[in-house]
Protein backbone atom coordinates (compact mmCIF):
# COMPACT_ATOMS: atom_id res chain seq x y z
CA MET A 1 125.73 101.14 105.62
CA ASP A 2 123.21 104.43 105.10
CA ALA A 3 125.65 107.17 104.16
CA ARG A 4 123.16 109.66 106.37
CA CYS A 5 123.05 108.21 109.74
CA PHE A 6 126.36 107.29 111.19
CA THR A 7 124.99 106.23 114.51
CA CYS A 8 122.49 103.56 113.42
CA GLY A 9 121.77 99.52 114.92
CA VAL A 10 121.48 96.95 112.25
CA SER A 11 118.41 95.49 111.91
CA PHE A 12 115.66 93.51 110.06
CA VAL A 13 112.36 94.90 109.34
CA LEU A 14 109.25 92.91 108.17
CA THR A 15 107.14 94.10 106.40
CA ILE A 16 103.94 91.74 106.34
CA ASP A 17 100.74 91.96 103.63
CA GLN A 18 97.18 90.33 103.81
CA LYS A 19 96.41 88.25 100.75
CA GLY A 20 93.62 89.28 99.26
CA SER A 21 92.04 91.44 102.24
CA ARG A 22 89.17 92.98 100.00
CA ARG A 23 87.73 89.58 99.74
CA THR A 24 88.33 88.25 103.11
CA PRO A 25 88.22 88.73 106.74
CA ASP A 26 91.01 91.15 108.63
CA ARG A 27 93.48 88.75 110.42
CA VAL A 28 96.03 91.02 110.98
CA PRO A 29 94.99 91.59 114.78
CA ALA A 30 94.67 88.15 114.51
CA ALA A 31 98.23 88.20 113.63
CA LEU A 32 99.55 90.51 116.16
CA SER A 33 98.30 88.59 118.81
CA ALA A 34 100.14 85.89 117.68
CA LEU A 35 103.27 88.12 117.77
CA SER A 36 103.14 89.70 120.44
CA GLY A 37 105.69 87.26 122.77
CA VAL A 38 108.24 87.35 119.16
CA PRO A 39 111.34 89.54 120.84
CA THR A 40 111.50 92.73 118.61
CA VAL A 41 113.81 95.80 119.17
CA LEU A 42 110.31 97.59 117.69
CA ARG A 43 106.96 95.27 117.91
CA PHE A 44 105.06 94.06 115.50
CA GLU A 45 101.85 96.65 115.05
CA ARG A 46 99.38 97.51 112.51
CA THR A 47 101.07 100.18 109.84
CA ALA A 48 98.65 100.78 107.46
CA GLY A 49 95.40 98.98 106.59
CA ASP A 50 95.67 95.47 105.79
CA GLU A 51 99.59 95.54 106.88
CA PHE A 52 101.70 94.99 109.63
CA GLN A 53 105.16 95.49 110.48
CA GLY A 54 107.57 94.67 113.28
CA VAL A 55 112.23 95.33 113.98
CA LEU A 56 113.68 92.52 114.89
CA ASP A 57 117.80 92.46 115.45
CA ASP A 58 118.19 88.03 115.81
CA PRO A 59 117.91 86.68 112.50
CA THR A 60 117.42 83.42 113.55
CA VAL A 61 114.07 84.65 114.97
CA VAL A 62 112.98 86.61 111.85
CA VAL A 63 113.62 82.52 109.87
CA ASP A 64 111.00 81.77 112.76
CA VAL A 65 108.53 84.50 112.13
CA VAL A 66 108.79 84.34 108.44
CA LEU A 67 107.94 80.15 108.63
CA ASP A 68 105.48 80.69 111.24
CA LEU A 69 103.49 83.26 108.73
CA VAL A 70 104.10 80.97 105.96
CA ARG A 71 102.50 78.10 107.94
CA ASP A 72 99.64 80.11 108.94
CA GLY A 73 99.10 81.52 105.29
CA GLY A 74 97.83 84.24 103.06
CA TRP A 75 100.29 86.80 103.71
CA SER A 76 103.15 88.54 101.44
CA ILE A 77 106.45 88.79 103.46
CA GLY A 78 109.00 91.26 102.89
CA VAL A 79 112.41 91.55 104.93
CA GLY A 80 114.37 94.38 104.79
CA ALA A 81 117.74 94.08 106.56
CA GLY A 82 120.27 97.12 107.21
CA PRO A 83 120.83 100.28 109.57
CA VAL A 84 117.87 101.60 111.18
CA GLN A 85 118.10 105.18 112.21
CA THR A 86 118.72 105.45 116.28
CA PRO A 87 117.64 106.48 119.04
CA LEU A 88 114.81 104.27 118.00
CA PRO A 89 110.71 105.86 117.80
CA GLY A 90 108.48 104.59 120.31
CA SER A 91 106.48 103.21 117.35
CA THR A 92 107.25 101.13 114.41
CA ARG A 93 105.21 103.22 111.99
CA ALA A 94 107.96 105.83 112.99
CA GLY A 95 111.06 104.10 112.34
CA ALA A 96 112.94 105.15 109.62
CA GLY A 97 116.67 104.46 107.62
CA THR A 98 117.99 101.90 105.18
CA ALA A 99 116.05 98.29 106.28
CA PHE A 100 112.58 100.09 106.25
CA LEU A 101 112.95 101.19 102.79
CA CYS A 102 114.49 97.46 102.35
CA ALA A 103 111.49 96.06 103.63
CA ARG A 104 108.99 98.11 101.54
CA ALA A 105 111.00 97.01 98.48
CA ALA A 106 110.79 93.79 99.66
CA VAL A 107 107.17 92.94 100.22
CA GLU A 108 106.01 94.71 97.10
CA ALA A 109 108.85 92.02 95.25
CA ALA A 110 107.13 89.63 97.68
CA LYS A 111 103.24 90.32 96.27
CA ARG A 112 104.73 89.29 92.66
CA ARG A 113 106.22 86.23 93.41
CA THR A 114 104.68 82.61 93.75
CA ILE A 115 106.62 82.14 96.45
CA ARG A 116 105.46 85.35 98.29
CA VAL A 117 108.58 85.79 100.56
CA ALA A 118 111.64 88.30 99.52
CA VAL A 119 114.71 89.42 100.95
CA ARG A 120 116.62 92.96 99.83
CA GLY A 121 119.08 94.59 101.82
CA PRO A 122 122.45 96.55 101.20
CA ALA A 123 124.61 93.42 99.94
CA THR A 124 122.16 92.50 97.25
CA THR A 125 123.91 89.05 96.14
CA ALA A 126 123.71 87.93 100.35
CA ALA A 127 119.76 89.28 99.94
CA GLY A 128 119.43 87.30 97.13
CA ASP A 129 120.42 83.83 98.67
CA ALA A 130 118.77 84.56 101.72
CA GLN A 131 115.68 85.32 100.13
CA ALA A 132 116.17 81.89 97.84
CA VAL A 133 116.64 79.51 101.14
CA LEU A 134 113.97 81.39 102.35
CA SER A 135 111.97 80.33 100.00
CA ALA A 136 112.97 76.81 99.60
CA LEU A 137 112.00 76.66 103.18
CA ALA A 138 108.31 78.29 102.54
CA VAL A 139 108.04 75.39 99.85
CA LEU A 140 108.90 72.72 102.29
CA VAL A 141 106.97 73.80 104.87
CA ASP A 142 103.90 75.10 103.55
CA ARG A 143 103.69 71.31 102.05
CA ARG A 144 104.13 69.12 104.98
CA SER A 145 101.54 67.00 106.40
CA PRO A 146 99.83 67.47 109.73
CA GLN A 147 101.10 63.92 110.58
CA ALA A 148 104.63 65.18 109.97
CA TRP A 149 103.89 68.01 111.95
CA GLU A 150 102.77 66.15 115.05
CA ALA A 151 105.34 64.25 114.85
CA ILE A 152 108.10 67.12 114.23
CA ALA A 153 106.66 69.06 117.34
CA LEU A 154 107.37 66.28 119.80
CA VAL A 155 110.36 65.74 118.92
CA GLY A 156 111.28 69.31 118.41
CA SER A 157 110.21 70.25 121.83
CA GLY A 158 112.69 67.43 123.25
CA ARG A 159 111.20 64.09 123.20
CA THR A 160 113.04 60.97 121.61
CA GLN A 161 111.13 59.52 118.67
CA ALA A 162 110.32 56.65 121.11
CA GLU A 163 108.62 58.89 123.33
CA ALA A 164 106.92 60.87 120.09
CA ALA A 165 105.52 57.27 119.17
CA ALA A 166 104.27 56.86 122.17
CA GLU A 167 102.14 59.94 122.24
CA LEU A 168 100.79 60.01 119.25
CA GLY A 169 100.12 56.04 119.55
CA VAL A 170 101.95 55.05 116.29
CA THR A 171 105.65 52.89 116.19
CA ARG A 172 108.98 54.33 116.44
CA GLN A 173 109.55 53.38 112.36
CA ALA A 174 106.33 55.31 111.59
CA VAL A 175 107.69 58.86 113.49
CA GLY A 176 110.83 58.44 111.31
CA GLN A 177 108.76 58.31 108.50
CA ARG A 178 107.28 61.32 109.40
CA LEU A 179 109.90 63.09 109.65
CA ALA A 180 111.55 62.08 106.78
CA ALA A 181 108.42 62.91 104.63
CA GLY A 182 108.10 66.30 106.16
CA LEU A 183 112.21 67.11 105.21
CA TRP A 184 112.76 67.60 109.45
CA GLU A 185 116.87 67.39 108.91
CA VAL A 186 116.48 69.72 105.79
CA GLU A 187 114.69 72.77 107.37
CA ARG A 188 116.84 71.81 110.54
CA ASP A 189 120.07 72.60 108.10
CA LEU A 190 118.48 75.22 106.09
CA ARG A 191 117.61 77.43 108.84
CA PRO A 192 121.16 78.88 110.40
CA THR A 193 121.88 78.85 106.50
CA ALA A 194 119.12 81.43 106.23
CA ALA A 195 120.03 83.63 109.41
CA ARG A 196 123.92 83.69 108.13
CA LEU A 197 122.53 85.63 104.87
CA LEU A 198 120.12 87.54 106.22
CA THR A 199 123.11 89.61 108.83
CA GLN A 200 125.24 89.26 105.63
CA ALA A 201 122.27 90.93 103.81
CA ALA A 202 122.01 93.91 105.67
CA GLY A 203 126.18 94.93 104.73
């Protein structure tokens, strides 16, 4: 824990940078709108140029946000785990603490990686493990077909495979094949692992 602040809360800071922003339109406003319903400690907001940042306290939600941004495409995503200084300011831009420093290091590392996701935290081994699992999930999500996404959206919302098949106008077997091709079960297994490792990365 940060020796300078013993009254700190453990949080996760996400710093996200738009790739190729000089050659593409500004996508930050749309991303902020899409993330407006995410439960946060400090809401997502633009911090500088083509970058935005938010503070969360639930590692499961962190995994959700990371994978949603991976699916959206075009972002370098840094996750910093650790303490933040309290009392919290009213704006993410004014936040301080280890998690913020780790998030800055993480997003810079993400820009240099093929899979543009990186995790940094006081517990470096756990942070590396969390990064590895999130990277695997990112590859899985990035390569998933539209047909697989359709099936996963329906089954993930609570429908049975038979109900999803009827809605999609395909056979139940076809839904099963789409789920298998999309590695849906692998994703379900890895998500809680990633969340657990993120918590451990905070030290």
